[in-house]
Amino acid sequence: MRKSLTVLFGLFTFLCANAQQTVDIDLWQDGLPNSNGIDKTSEYSDATRNFKPSIKVFLPAKEKSNNMAVICCPGGGYTHLALQHEGYDWAPFFNDLGFTFVVLKYRMPHGFTEVPISDAKEALRLVREKATEWNINPDKVGIMGSSAGGHLATTVATHSEAGKAPNFQILFYPVVTFSDLNTHKGSRNALIGDKPTYEQICLFSNEQQVSSNTPPAILLLSDDDGAVPPQNSVDYYLALRRHGIKATMHIYPSGGHGWGYKESFRHRTDMLAELKSWLKSLK
């Protein structure tokens, strides 16, 4: 009996020590700086896609921390959020590598372009503000995005003021361009409308916004993606290289679009190994 209790106590201690620590924070605690037309008039509800702008922070075990953080922008065409397989499901992977993992629940634009962008930039600012509390180096905070979340991530990476951009980018089958030939029109229409000006298209075609100050990136996608043409990633990769920015790209032969952390993705083992290798190369 005593031996059984000792074993149970040891198991309990192990589970407590390895339990995932999470923190939920409202993004705009002093009030929203802008509105998408529904966030100030309707109750917040994930079911209605009226998301309360917030972050969910997954903290690694202290002994594992590498003092780095990743802010994750799930995809969803700027109309909804794939919070689970493109967001929360990734937390154990990053925590195990020592990263603080932050999932951003950003507002849908509903025709107000600046809304999701301001949410993402504020999340980046807030994480850096909390750097000491969360054992993070503020100069080692990256951004991650899938599909339309990848467009949001590349927008923050290429449209931020000097010194306020993320330090690296992790992009899964991202929407990058808004040009007619290769864009995902649903994402474009949701962010800048179905009759955008030429100037708007150019401004948010982020392969055109890369500069020598854009952070390094890894891009992961499938060759047979029928939703977001692979040319989005290829053009962004080439733009980064033209400006001397370190970039890595892995194109898998199959998988289509939207696989995220799903176990059903055929090339998942290779993808995780290659992502892990790249993350460990960050300094």
C-alpha atoms as a PDB file:
ATOM      1  CA  MET A   1       0.000   0.000   0.000  1.00  0.00           C
ATOM      2  CA  ARG A   2       2.769   2.413   0.970  1.00  0.00           C
ATOM      3  CA  LYS A   3       4.621   1.594  -2.262  1.00  0.00           C
ATOM      4  CA  SER A   4       1.478   2.274  -4.308  1.00  0.00           C
ATOM      5  CA  LEU A   5       0.995   5.631  -2.620  1.00  0.00           C
ATOM      6  CA  THR A   6       4.615   6.528  -3.304  1.00  0.00           C
ATOM      7  CA  VAL A   7       4.183   5.670  -6.981  1.00  0.00           C
ATOM      8  CA  LEU A   8       0.957   7.678  -7.211  1.00  0.00           C
ATOM      9  CA  PHE A   9       2.536  10.658  -5.471  1.00  0.00           C
ATOM     10  CA  GLY A  10       5.479  10.499  -7.857  1.00  0.00           C
ATOM     11  CA  LEU A  11       3.149  10.392 -10.849  1.00  0.00           C
ATOM     12  CA  PHE A  12       1.134  13.316  -9.501  1.00  0.00           C
ATOM     13  CA  THR A  13       4.307  15.344  -8.970  1.00  0.00           C
ATOM     14  CA  PHE A  14       5.485  14.545 -12.503  1.00  0.00           C
ATOM     15  CA  LEU A  15       2.165  15.556 -14.040  1.00  0.00           C
ATOM     16  CA  CYS A  16       2.057  18.810 -12.092  1.00  0.00           C
ATOM     17  CA  ALA A  17       5.611  19.680 -13.068  1.00  0.00           C
ATOM     18  CA  ASN A  18       4.870  18.996 -16.715  1.00  0.00           C
ATOM     19  CA  ALA A  19       1.386  20.504 -16.879  1.00  0.00           C
ATOM     20  CA  GLN A  20       1.044  23.105 -19.596  1.00  0.00           C
ATOM     21  CA  GLN A  21       0.826  26.598 -18.167  1.00  0.00           C
ATOM     22  CA  THR A  22      -1.519  28.917 -20.053  1.00  0.00           C
ATOM     23  CA  VAL A  23      -2.424  32.574 -19.742  1.00  0.00           C
ATOM     24  CA  ASP A  24      -5.399  34.290 -21.417  1.00  0.00           C
ATOM     25  CA  ILE A  25      -5.208  38.033 -21.990  1.00  0.00           C
ATOM     26  CA  ASP A  26      -7.618  40.491 -23.595  1.00  0.00           C
ATOM     27  CA  LEU A  27      -5.705  42.319 -26.283  1.00  0.00           C
ATOM     28  CA  TRP A  28      -7.155  45.810 -25.892  1.00  0.00           C
ATOM     29  CA  GLN A  29      -7.749  46.269 -22.180  1.00  0.00           C
ATOM     30  CA  ASP A  30      -8.141  50.047 -22.531  1.00  0.00           C
ATOM     31  CA  GLY A  31     -10.703  49.773 -25.308  1.00  0.00           C
ATOM     32  CA  LEU A  32     -10.651  48.944 -29.008  1.00  0.00           C
ATOM     33  CA  PRO A  33      -8.733  51.424 -31.199  1.00  0.00           C
ATOM     34  CA  ASN A  34     -10.960  50.663 -34.195  1.00  0.00           C
ATOM     35  CA  SER A  35     -14.007  48.617 -35.115  1.00  0.00           C
ATOM     36  CA  ASN A  36     -15.075  46.065 -37.700  1.00  0.00           C
ATOM     37  CA  GLY A  37     -18.680  47.159 -37.312  1.00  0.00           C
ATOM     38  CA  ILE A  38     -19.846  44.306 -35.082  1.00  0.00           C
ATOM     39  CA  ASP A  39     -17.322  44.093 -32.253  1.00  0.00           C
ATOM     40  CA  LYS A  40     -18.812  47.067 -30.426  1.00  0.00           C
ATOM     41  CA  THR A  41     -22.454  46.252 -31.077  1.00  0.00           C
ATOM     42  CA  SER A  42     -22.767  42.467 -30.684  1.00  0.00           C
ATOM     43  CA  GLU A  43     -21.751  40.039 -27.983  1.00  0.00           C
ATOM     44  CA  TYR A  44     -18.480  38.241 -28.625  1.00  0.00           C
ATOM     45  CA  SER A  45     -19.057  34.675 -29.731  1.00  0.00           C
ATOM     46  CA  ASP A  46     -16.804  32.247 -31.544  1.00  0.00           C
ATOM     47  CA  ALA A  47     -19.920  30.616 -32.957  1.00  0.00           C
ATOM     48  CA  THR A  48     -20.857  33.815 -34.803  1.00  0.00           C
ATOM     49  CA  ARG A  49     -17.204  34.537 -35.665  1.00  0.00           C
ATOM     50  CA  ASN A  50     -17.346  37.734 -33.654  1.00  0.00           C
ATOM     51  CA  PHE A  51     -14.033  37.032 -31.962  1.00  0.00           C
ATOM     52  CA  LYS A  52     -12.938  38.948 -28.909  1.00  0.00           C
ATOM     53  CA  PRO A  53      -9.383  40.048 -29.687  1.00  0.00           C
ATOM     54  CA  SER A  54      -7.183  38.147 -27.272  1.00  0.00           C
ATOM     55  CA  ILE A  55      -4.145  35.961 -26.907  1.00  0.00           C
ATOM     56  CA  LYS A  56      -3.747  32.558 -25.310  1.00  0.00           C
ATOM     57  CA  VAL A  57      -0.190  32.089 -24.077  1.00  0.00           C
ATOM     58  CA  PHE A  58       1.284  28.610 -23.675  1.00  0.00           C
ATOM     59  CA  LEU A  59       4.377  28.776 -21.478  1.00  0.00           C
ATOM     60  CA  PRO A  60       7.076  26.099 -21.646  1.00  0.00           C
ATOM     61  CA  ALA A  61       8.518  24.477 -18.542  1.00  0.00           C
ATOM     62  CA  LYS A  62      11.060  26.891 -17.061  1.00  0.00           C
ATOM     63  CA  GLU A  63      13.913  24.438 -17.433  1.00  0.00           C
ATOM     64  CA  LYS A  64      13.135  24.065 -21.149  1.00  0.00           C
ATOM     65  CA  SER A  65      12.716  27.738 -22.035  1.00  0.00           C
ATOM     66  CA  ASN A  66      14.921  29.015 -24.859  1.00  0.00           C
ATOM     67  CA  ASN A  67      13.782  32.624 -24.249  1.00  0.00           C
ATOM     68  CA  MET A  68      12.028  32.779 -27.612  1.00  0.00           C
ATOM     69  CA  ALA A  69       8.363  33.211 -28.544  1.00  0.00           C
ATOM     70  CA  VAL A  70       6.104  32.563 -31.520  1.00  0.00           C
ATOM     71  CA  ILE A  71       2.853  34.442 -32.136  1.00  0.00           C
ATOM     72  CA  CYS A  72       0.474  32.274 -34.161  1.00  0.00           C
ATOM     73  CA  CYS A  73      -2.130  33.674 -36.566  1.00  0.00           C
ATOM     74  CA  PRO A  74      -4.518  30.863 -37.579  1.00  0.00           C
ATOM     75  CA  GLY A  75      -6.018  30.944 -41.053  1.00  0.00           C
ATOM     76  CA  GLY A  76      -9.612  31.112 -42.186  1.00  0.00           C
ATOM     77  CA  GLY A  77      -9.809  33.393 -45.210  1.00  0.00           C
ATOM     78  CA  TYR A  78     -10.250  36.504 -43.038  1.00  0.00           C
ATOM     79  CA  THR A  79     -13.817  35.252 -42.371  1.00  0.00           C
ATOM     80  CA  HIS A  80     -13.256  32.717 -39.571  1.00  0.00           C
ATOM     81  CA  LEU A  81     -10.400  31.172 -37.568  1.00  0.00           C
ATOM     82  CA  ALA A  82      -9.066  27.611 -37.695  1.00  0.00           C
ATOM     83  CA  LEU A  83      -8.060  27.934 -34.061  1.00  0.00           C
ATOM     84  CA  GLN A  84      -7.505  24.265 -33.296  1.00  0.00           C
ATOM     85  CA  HIS A  85      -5.326  22.595 -35.943  1.00  0.00           C
ATOM     86  CA  GLU A  86      -3.679  25.837 -37.062  1.00  0.00           C
ATOM     87  CA  GLY A  87      -3.415  27.228 -33.547  1.00  0.00           C
ATOM     88  CA  TYR A  88      -3.758  25.466 -30.204  1.00  0.00           C
ATOM     89  CA  ASP A  89      -2.684  22.031 -31.457  1.00  0.00           C
ATOM     90  CA  TRP A  90       0.797  23.398 -32.186  1.00  0.00           C
ATOM     91  CA  ALA A  91       1.461  24.465 -28.593  1.00  0.00           C
ATOM     92  CA  PRO A  92       3.022  21.208 -27.265  1.00  0.00           C
ATOM     93  CA  PHE A  93       5.388  21.048 -30.253  1.00  0.00           C
ATOM     94  CA  PHE A  94       6.737  24.549 -29.654  1.00  0.00           C
ATOM     95  CA  ASN A  95       6.735  24.273 -25.855  1.00  0.00           C
ATOM     96  CA  ASP A  96       8.780  21.084 -26.068  1.00  0.00           C
ATOM     97  CA  LEU A  97      11.391  23.032 -28.031  1.00  0.00           C
ATOM     98  CA  GLY A  98      11.409  25.759 -25.363  1.00  0.00           C
ATOM     99  CA  PHE A  99       9.294  28.377 -27.146  1.00  0.00           C
ATOM    100  CA  THR A 100       6.549  30.402 -25.550  1.00  0.00           C
ATOM    101  CA  PHE A 101       3.647  29.866 -27.947  1.00  0.00           C
ATOM    102  CA  VAL A 102       0.993  32.552 -28.322  1.00  0.00           C
ATOM    103  CA  VAL A 103      -2.226  32.001 -30.269  1.00  0.00           C
ATOM    104  CA  LEU A 104      -3.821  35.215 -31.469  1.00  0.00           C
ATOM    105  CA  LYS A 105      -7.595  35.407 -31.752  1.00  0.00           C
ATOM    106  CA  TYR A 106      -7.862  38.346 -34.124  1.00  0.00           C
ATOM    107  CA  ARG A 107     -10.968  40.104 -35.351  1.00  0.00           C
ATOM    108  CA  MET A 108     -12.338  39.577 -38.848  1.00  0.00           C
ATOM    109  CA  PRO A 109     -12.107  42.717 -41.006  1.00  0.00           C
ATOM    110  CA  HIS A 110     -15.690  42.905 -42.308  1.00  0.00           C
ATOM    111  CA  GLY A 111     -14.437  45.509 -44.766  1.00  0.00           C
ATOM    112  CA  PHE A 112     -12.230  47.358 -42.268  1.00  0.00           C
ATOM    113  CA  THR A 113      -8.739  46.465 -43.452  1.00  0.00           C
ATOM    114  CA  GLU A 114      -6.826  47.823 -40.482  1.00  0.00           C
ATOM    115  CA  VAL A 115      -8.658  45.740 -37.851  1.00  0.00           C
ATOM    116  CA  PRO A 116      -6.858  42.340 -37.990  1.00  0.00           C
ATOM    117  CA  ILE A 117      -3.549  44.058 -38.734  1.00  0.00           C
ATOM    118  CA  SER A 118      -3.826  46.248 -35.649  1.00  0.00           C
ATOM    119  CA  ASP A 119      -4.665  43.173 -33.550  1.00  0.00           C
ATOM    120  CA  ALA A 120      -1.569  41.338 -34.787  1.00  0.00           C
ATOM    121  CA  LYS A 121       0.720  44.304 -34.212  1.00  0.00           C
ATOM    122  CA  GLU A 122      -0.675  44.796 -30.722  1.00  0.00           C
ATOM    123  CA  ALA A 123      -0.110  41.124 -29.911  1.00  0.00           C
ATOM    124  CA  LEU A 124       3.525  41.511 -30.934  1.00  0.00           C
ATOM    125  CA  ARG A 125       3.886  44.640 -28.818  1.00  0.00           C
ATOM    126  CA  LEU A 126       2.223  43.007 -25.816  1.00  0.00           C
ATOM    127  CA  VAL A 127       4.382  39.885 -25.928  1.00  0.00           C
ATOM    128  CA  ARG A 128       7.506  42.034 -25.971  1.00  0.00           C
ATOM    129  CA  GLU A 129       6.138  44.093 -23.093  1.00  0.00           C
ATOM    130  CA  LYS A 130       5.681  40.873 -21.101  1.00  0.00           C
ATOM    131  CA  ALA A 131       9.152  39.601 -22.010  1.00  0.00           C
ATOM    132  CA  THR A 132      10.582  39.704 -18.500  1.00  0.00           C
ATOM    133  CA  GLU A 133       7.493  38.136 -16.921  1.00  0.00           C
ATOM    134  CA  TRP A 134       7.417  35.311 -19.469  1.00  0.00           C
ATOM    135  CA  ASN A 135      11.175  34.796 -19.663  1.00  0.00           C
ATOM    136  CA  ILE A 136      11.423  35.961 -23.283  1.00  0.00           C
ATOM    137  CA  ASN A 137      14.113  37.864 -25.137  1.00  0.00           C
ATOM    138  CA  PRO A 138      12.129  40.687 -26.836  1.00  0.00           C
ATOM    139  CA  ASP A 139      14.479  40.448 -29.815  1.00  0.00           C
ATOM    140  CA  LYS A 140      13.540  36.809 -30.383  1.00  0.00           C
ATOM    141  CA  VAL A 141       9.817  36.991 -31.050  1.00  0.00           C
ATOM    142  CA  GLY A 142       8.575  35.503 -34.306  1.00  0.00           C
ATOM    143  CA  ILE A 143       5.250  35.397 -36.100  1.00  0.00           C
ATOM    144  CA  MET A 144       3.543  32.350 -37.601  1.00  0.00           C
ATOM    145  CA  GLY A 145       0.604  32.152 -39.958  1.00  0.00           C
ATOM    146  CA  SER A 146      -1.350  29.668 -42.042  1.00  0.00           C
ATOM    147  CA  SER A 147      -3.227  30.537 -45.237  1.00  0.00           C
ATOM    148  CA  ALA A 148      -4.882  33.945 -44.646  1.00  0.00           C
ATOM    149  CA  GLY A 149      -3.114  33.963 -41.279  1.00  0.00           C
ATOM    150  CA  GLY A 150       0.057  33.754 -43.354  1.00  0.00           C
ATOM    151  CA  HIS A 151      -1.019  36.890 -45.172  1.00  0.00           C
ATOM    152  CA  LEU A 152      -1.545  38.602 -41.831  1.00  0.00           C
ATOM    153  CA  ALA A 153       1.881  37.396 -40.656  1.00  0.00           C
ATOM    154  CA  THR A 154       3.660  38.612 -43.803  1.00  0.00           C
ATOM    155  CA  THR A 155       1.783  41.915 -43.570  1.00  0.00           C
ATOM    156  CA  VAL A 156       3.109  42.492 -40.055  1.00  0.00           C
ATOM    157  CA  ALA A 157       6.581  41.372 -41.201  1.00  0.00           C
ATOM    158  CA  THR A 158       6.667  43.777 -44.146  1.00  0.00           C
ATOM    159  CA  HIS A 159       4.502  46.706 -43.014  1.00  0.00           C
ATOM    160  CA  SER A 160       5.868  47.354 -39.515  1.00  0.00           C
ATOM    161  CA  GLU A 161       7.932  50.346 -38.541  1.00  0.00           C
ATOM    162  CA  ALA A 162      11.654  49.888 -38.044  1.00  0.00           C
ATOM    163  CA  GLY A 163      12.342  47.951 -34.867  1.00  0.00           C
ATOM    164  CA  LYS A 164       8.738  46.791 -34.494  1.00  0.00           C
ATOM    165  CA  ALA A 165       8.684  43.887 -36.932  1.00  0.00           C
ATOM    166  CA  PRO A 166       8.821  40.270 -35.757  1.00  0.00           C
ATOM    167  CA  ASN A 167      12.265  38.652 -35.674  1.00  0.00           C
ATOM    168  CA  PHE A 168      11.371  35.660 -37.856  1.00  0.00           C
ATOM    169  CA  GLN A 169       8.450  34.217 -39.836  1.00  0.00           C
ATOM    170  CA  ILE A 170       6.929  30.715 -39.988  1.00  0.00           C
ATOM    171  CA  LEU A 171       4.522  30.433 -42.914  1.00  0.00           C
ATOM    172  CA  PHE A 172       2.273  27.536 -43.828  1.00  0.00           C
ATOM    173  CA  TYR A 173       0.754  27.626 -47.338  1.00  0.00           C
ATOM    174  CA  PRO A 174       0.388  31.415 -46.980  1.00  0.00           C
ATOM    175  CA  VAL A 175      -1.689  33.832 -48.970  1.00  0.00           C
ATOM    176  CA  VAL A 176       0.932  36.428 -49.938  1.00  0.00           C
ATOM    177  CA  THR A 177      -0.144  38.186 -53.108  1.00  0.00           C
ATOM    178  CA  PHE A 178      -3.378  40.020 -53.925  1.00  0.00           C
ATOM    179  CA  SER A 179      -2.671  40.130 -57.670  1.00  0.00           C
ATOM    180  CA  ASP A 180      -5.446  38.626 -59.803  1.00  0.00           C
ATOM    181  CA  LEU A 181      -3.389  35.753 -61.193  1.00  0.00           C
ATOM    182  CA  ASN A 182      -2.361  33.982 -57.962  1.00  0.00           C
ATOM    183  CA  THR A 183      -4.349  35.402 -55.075  1.00  0.00           C
ATOM    184  CA  HIS A 184      -6.917  33.650 -52.914  1.00  0.00           C
ATOM    185  CA  LYS A 185      -9.812  35.890 -53.838  1.00  0.00           C
ATOM    186  CA  GLY A 186     -11.853  35.085 -50.762  1.00  0.00           C
ATOM    187  CA  SER A 187      -9.096  36.400 -48.492  1.00  0.00           C
ATOM    188  CA  ARG A 188      -8.547  39.439 -50.683  1.00  0.00           C
ATOM    189  CA  ASN A 189     -12.230  40.317 -50.847  1.00  0.00           C
ATOM    190  CA  ALA A 190     -12.614  39.943 -47.082  1.00  0.00           C
ATOM    191  CA  LEU A 191      -9.658  42.212 -46.309  1.00  0.00           C
ATOM    192  CA  ILE A 192      -9.813  44.947 -48.973  1.00  0.00           C
ATOM    193  CA  GLY A 193     -13.178  44.417 -50.673  1.00  0.00           C
ATOM    194  CA  ASP A 194     -14.299  42.937 -53.960  1.00  0.00           C
ATOM    195  CA  LYS A 195     -13.467  46.110 -55.901  1.00  0.00           C
ATOM    196  CA  PRO A 196     -10.003  47.050 -54.612  1.00  0.00           C
ATOM    197  CA  THR A 197      -7.926  49.771 -56.189  1.00  0.00           C
ATOM    198  CA  TYR A 198      -4.667  49.014 -57.931  1.00  0.00           C
ATOM    199  CA  GLU A 199      -2.866  50.748 -55.060  1.00  0.00           C
ATOM    200  CA  GLN A 200      -4.566  48.524 -52.473  1.00  0.00           C
ATOM    201  CA  ILE A 201      -3.668  45.392 -54.418  1.00  0.00           C
ATOM    202  CA  CYS A 202      -0.022  46.418 -54.617  1.00  0.00           C
ATOM    203  CA  LEU A 203       0.139  47.486 -50.972  1.00  0.00           C
ATOM    204  CA  PHE A 204      -1.100  44.141 -49.715  1.00  0.00           C
ATOM    205  CA  SER A 205       0.742  41.998 -52.238  1.00  0.00           C
ATOM    206  CA  ASN A 206       3.429  41.385 -49.661  1.00  0.00           C
ATOM    207  CA  GLU A 207       6.011  39.978 -52.049  1.00  0.00           C
ATOM    208  CA  GLN A 208       6.182  43.575 -53.305  1.00  0.00           C
ATOM    209  CA  GLN A 209       6.726  44.943 -49.792  1.00  0.00           C
ATOM    210  CA  VAL A 210       9.825  42.930 -48.861  1.00  0.00           C
ATOM    211  CA  SER A 211      12.853  45.026 -47.914  1.00  0.00           C
ATOM    212  CA  SER A 212      16.264  44.493 -46.406  1.00  0.00           C
ATOM    213  CA  ASN A 213      14.589  44.854 -42.987  1.00  0.00           C
ATOM    214  CA  THR A 214      12.152  41.967 -43.480  1.00  0.00           C
ATOM    215  CA  PRO A 215      12.845  39.093 -41.050  1.00  0.00           C
ATOM    216  CA  PRO A 216      13.997  35.607 -42.183  1.00  0.00           C
ATOM    217  CA  ALA A 217      11.341  33.031 -42.997  1.00  0.00           C
ATOM    218  CA  ILE A 218      10.522  29.398 -43.485  1.00  0.00           C
ATOM    219  CA  LEU A 219       7.708  28.465 -45.866  1.00  0.00           C
ATOM    220  CA  LEU A 220       5.979  25.060 -45.840  1.00  0.00           C
ATOM    221  CA  LEU A 221       3.350  24.089 -48.390  1.00  0.00           C
ATOM    222  CA  SER A 222       2.050  21.422 -50.758  1.00  0.00           C
ATOM    223  CA  ASP A 223       2.608  21.328 -54.494  1.00  0.00           C
ATOM    224  CA  ASP A 224      -0.995  20.315 -55.099  1.00  0.00           C
ATOM    225  CA  ASP A 225      -2.551  23.163 -53.099  1.00  0.00           C
ATOM    226  CA  GLY A 226      -5.712  23.985 -55.034  1.00  0.00           C
ATOM    227  CA  ALA A 227      -6.845  26.817 -52.745  1.00  0.00           C
ATOM    228  CA  VAL A 228      -3.785  29.062 -52.469  1.00  0.00           C
ATOM    229  CA  PRO A 229      -1.457  28.707 -55.466  1.00  0.00           C
ATOM    230  CA  PRO A 230       2.093  27.688 -54.458  1.00  0.00           C
ATOM    231  CA  GLN A 231       3.304  30.662 -56.505  1.00  0.00           C
ATOM    232  CA  ASN A 232       2.412  32.810 -53.467  1.00  0.00           C
ATOM    233  CA  SER A 233       5.197  31.172 -51.449  1.00  0.00           C
ATOM    234  CA  VAL A 234       7.617  30.956 -54.380  1.00  0.00           C
ATOM    235  CA  ASP A 235       7.352  34.670 -55.143  1.00  0.00           C
ATOM    236  CA  TYR A 236       7.766  35.587 -51.479  1.00  0.00           C
ATOM    237  CA  TYR A 237      10.792  33.317 -51.155  1.00  0.00           C
ATOM    238  CA  LEU A 238      12.397  34.877 -54.241  1.00  0.00           C
ATOM    239  CA  ALA A 239      11.661  38.399 -52.983  1.00  0.00           C
ATOM    240  CA  LEU A 240      13.330  37.596 -49.673  1.00  0.00           C
ATOM    241  CA  ARG A 241      16.397  36.196 -51.453  1.00  0.00           C
ATOM    242  CA  ARG A 242      16.646  39.246 -53.733  1.00  0.00           C
ATOM    243  CA  HIS A 243      16.914  41.404 -50.621  1.00  0.00           C
ATOM    244  CA  GLY A 244      19.495  39.182 -48.959  1.00  0.00           C
ATOM    245  CA  ILE A 245      17.062  37.769 -46.374  1.00  0.00           C
ATOM    246  CA  LYS A 246      17.617  34.200 -45.214  1.00  0.00           C
ATOM    247  CA  ALA A 247      14.753  32.006 -46.366  1.00  0.00           C
ATOM    248  CA  THR A 248      13.948  28.305 -46.433  1.00  0.00           C
ATOM    249  CA  MET A 249      11.133  26.638 -48.356  1.00  0.00           C
ATOM    250  CA  HIS A 250       9.790  23.074 -48.283  1.00  0.00           C
ATOM    251  CA  ILE A 251       7.240  22.036 -50.899  1.00  0.00           C
ATOM    252  CA  TYR A 252       5.630  18.655 -50.257  1.00  0.00           C
ATOM    253  CA  PRO A 253       4.337  16.594 -53.207  1.00  0.00           C
ATOM    254  CA  SER A 254       0.819  16.249 -51.817  1.00  0.00           C
ATOM    255  CA  GLY A 255      -1.426  17.349 -49.001  1.00  0.00           C
ATOM    256  CA  GLY A 256      -3.498  20.082 -50.553  1.00  0.00           C
ATOM    257  CA  HIS A 257      -4.376  23.027 -48.335  1.00  0.00           C
ATOM    258  CA  GLY A 258      -5.059  23.562 -44.652  1.00  0.00           C
ATOM    259  CA  TRP A 259      -3.309  20.616 -43.014  1.00  0.00           C
ATOM    260  CA  GLY A 260      -1.782  22.520 -40.112  1.00  0.00           C
ATOM    261  CA  TYR A 261      -0.906  20.094 -37.316  1.00  0.00           C
ATOM    262  CA  LYS A 262      -3.295  17.375 -38.501  1.00  0.00           C
ATOM    263  CA  GLU A 263      -1.995  13.834 -38.175  1.00  0.00           C
ATOM    264  CA  SER A 264      -3.673  13.009 -41.483  1.00  0.00           C
ATOM    265  CA  PHE A 265      -1.101  15.081 -43.399  1.00  0.00           C
ATOM    266  CA  ARG A 266       0.938  12.430 -45.200  1.00  0.00           C
ATOM    267  CA  HIS A 267       4.238  14.316 -44.949  1.00  0.00           C
ATOM    268  CA  ARG A 268       3.731  15.419 -41.339  1.00  0.00           C
ATOM    269  CA  THR A 269       6.771  13.593 -39.949  1.00  0.00           C
ATOM    270  CA  ASP A 270       9.105  15.173 -42.501  1.00  0.00           C
ATOM    271  CA  MET A 271       7.487  18.569 -42.072  1.00  0.00           C
ATOM    272  CA  LEU A 272       7.885  18.569 -38.285  1.00  0.00           C
ATOM    273  CA  ALA A 273      11.500  17.415 -38.520  1.00  0.00           C
ATOM    274  CA  GLU A 274      12.364  20.123 -41.054  1.00  0.00           C
ATOM    275  CA  LEU A 275      10.590  22.817 -39.069  1.00  0.00           C
ATOM    276  CA  LYS A 276      12.320  21.677 -35.886  1.00  0.00           C
ATOM    277  CA  SER A 277      15.715  21.813 -37.604  1.00  0.00           C
ATOM    278  CA  TRP A 278      15.048  25.350 -38.853  1.00  0.00           C
ATOM    279  CA  LEU A 279      13.837  26.565 -35.466  1.00  0.00           C
ATOM    280  CA  LYS A 280      16.960  25.202 -33.800  1.00  0.00           C
ATOM    281  CA  SER A 281      19.077  27.159 -36.286  1.00  0.00           C
ATOM    282  CA  LEU A 282      17.663  30.481 -35.043  1.00  0.00           C
ATOM    283  CA  LYS A 283      20.040  32.558 -32.978  1.00  0.00           C
END
